Amino acid sequence: MTAQPGAGDRLVELLLTGLNEGSPGASAHCLVYLVSRSASDPDLVHLTEGWTSQETHHQIFAREAAQAIVARLGDMLAEELAYTDYVPVGGKAVI
């Protein structure tokens, strides 16, 4: 996600609310919810999510808490969201 100039910090803060109780990232069905940003561009933010199933992801994001986060994204973004569909095949994640 590319934030409006200077809005990278606000975008990161908003995305991290996705880990709050009742929010999408707090769901037991969310296996990965990782907010990252570019080392060279503070307004470029990445959100990586991993879910138990696509159906569960859709169910969780139909809820009010998720929709509230998505609604707030629009004003912060400089560009349309780019979505990439990954299927993990191996690796390691330690945070």
Protein backbone atom coordinates (compact mmCIF):
# COMPACT_ATOMS: atom_id res chain seq x y z
CA MET A 1 0.00 0.00 0.00
CA THR A 2 1.28 3.45 -0.84
CA ALA A 3 0.15 6.04 1.67
CA GLN A 4 -0.46 9.68 0.88
CA PRO A 5 2.84 11.57 1.28
CA GLY A 6 3.72 11.67 4.97
CA ALA A 7 0.88 9.35 6.01
CA GLY A 8 2.92 6.14 6.32
CA ASP A 9 2.99 6.26 10.13
CA ARG A 10 -0.79 6.74 10.31
CA LEU A 11 -1.31 3.85 7.87
CA VAL A 12 0.90 1.56 9.96
CA GLU A 13 -0.97 2.56 13.13
CA LEU A 14 -4.32 1.82 11.47
CA LEU A 15 -3.21 -1.56 10.17
CA LEU A 16 -1.85 -2.53 13.58
CA THR A 17 -5.32 -1.95 15.05
CA GLY A 18 -6.20 -5.06 13.05
CA LEU A 19 -4.57 -7.01 15.89
CA ASN A 20 -6.86 -5.57 18.57
CA GLU A 21 -9.42 -7.81 20.27
CA GLY A 22 -12.34 -8.39 17.90
CA SER A 23 -10.35 -7.25 14.86
CA PRO A 24 -9.38 -9.52 11.93
CA GLY A 25 -5.80 -10.25 13.01
CA ALA A 26 -6.96 -11.35 16.47
CA SER A 27 -9.06 -14.16 14.99
CA ALA A 28 -7.87 -17.71 15.64
CA HIS A 29 -8.32 -18.21 11.87
CA CYS A 30 -5.68 -15.57 11.13
CA LEU A 31 -2.34 -17.39 11.15
CA VAL A 32 -0.24 -14.45 9.92
CA TYR A 33 -0.88 -10.71 10.23
CA LEU A 34 2.37 -8.89 9.51
CA VAL A 35 2.66 -5.14 8.92
CA SER A 36 5.94 -4.08 7.28
CA ARG A 37 7.24 -0.98 5.58
CA SER A 38 9.83 -0.20 2.98
CA ALA A 39 13.31 0.67 4.24
CA SER A 40 13.65 3.33 1.53
CA ASP A 41 10.10 4.74 1.34
CA PRO A 42 8.30 5.37 4.65
CA ASP A 43 4.98 5.71 2.83
CA LEU A 44 5.15 2.22 1.31
CA VAL A 45 3.53 -0.28 3.69
CA HIS A 46 2.97 -4.01 3.25
CA LEU A 47 0.37 -6.17 4.98
CA THR A 48 0.86 -9.93 4.81
CA GLU A 49 -2.00 -12.09 6.02
CA GLY A 50 -2.39 -15.86 6.26
CA TRP A 51 -5.76 -17.47 6.90
CA THR A 52 -7.00 -20.98 7.57
CA SER A 53 -9.20 -20.70 4.46
CA GLN A 54 -10.39 -18.18 1.91
CA GLU A 55 -13.95 -18.64 3.15
CA THR A 56 -12.94 -17.76 6.71
CA HIS A 57 -11.09 -14.68 5.46
CA HIS A 58 -14.23 -13.50 3.67
CA GLN A 59 -16.38 -14.15 6.75
CA ILE A 60 -14.05 -12.22 9.05
CA PHE A 61 -13.77 -9.28 6.66
CA ALA A 62 -17.54 -9.05 6.33
CA ARG A 63 -17.70 -8.12 10.03
CA GLU A 64 -18.03 -4.57 11.32
CA ALA A 65 -14.53 -4.31 12.86
CA ALA A 66 -12.82 -5.25 9.60
CA GLN A 67 -15.06 -3.01 7.51
CA ALA A 68 -14.26 -0.06 9.79
CA ILE A 69 -10.53 -0.50 9.13
CA VAL A 70 -11.06 -0.89 5.38
CA ALA A 71 -13.24 2.24 5.29
CA ARG A 72 -10.50 4.31 6.92
CA LEU A 73 -7.86 3.11 4.45
CA GLY A 74 -9.30 5.03 1.51
CA ASP A 75 -8.34 8.50 2.73
CA MET A 76 -4.78 7.44 3.54
CA LEU A 77 -3.86 5.77 0.26
CA ALA A 78 -2.16 7.49 -2.66
CA GLU A 79 -2.78 4.55 -4.99
CA GLU A 80 -5.29 1.75 -5.38
CA LEU A 81 -4.49 -1.31 -3.27
CA ALA A 82 -2.41 -3.97 -4.98
CA TYR A 83 -3.42 -7.50 -4.02
CA THR A 84 -1.14 -10.51 -4.43
CA ASP A 85 -2.33 -14.04 -3.75
CA TYR A 86 0.47 -16.14 -2.25
CA VAL A 87 0.42 -19.82 -1.40
CA PRO A 88 3.16 -20.60 1.14
CA VAL A 89 5.39 -23.52 0.27
CA GLY A 90 7.86 -23.32 3.13
CA GLY A 91 9.99 -20.95 5.17
CA LYS A 92 10.21 -19.49 8.62
CA ALA A 93 8.79 -16.49 10.45
CA VAL A 94 10.14 -15.24 13.77
CA ILE A 95 9.06 -11.85 15.02
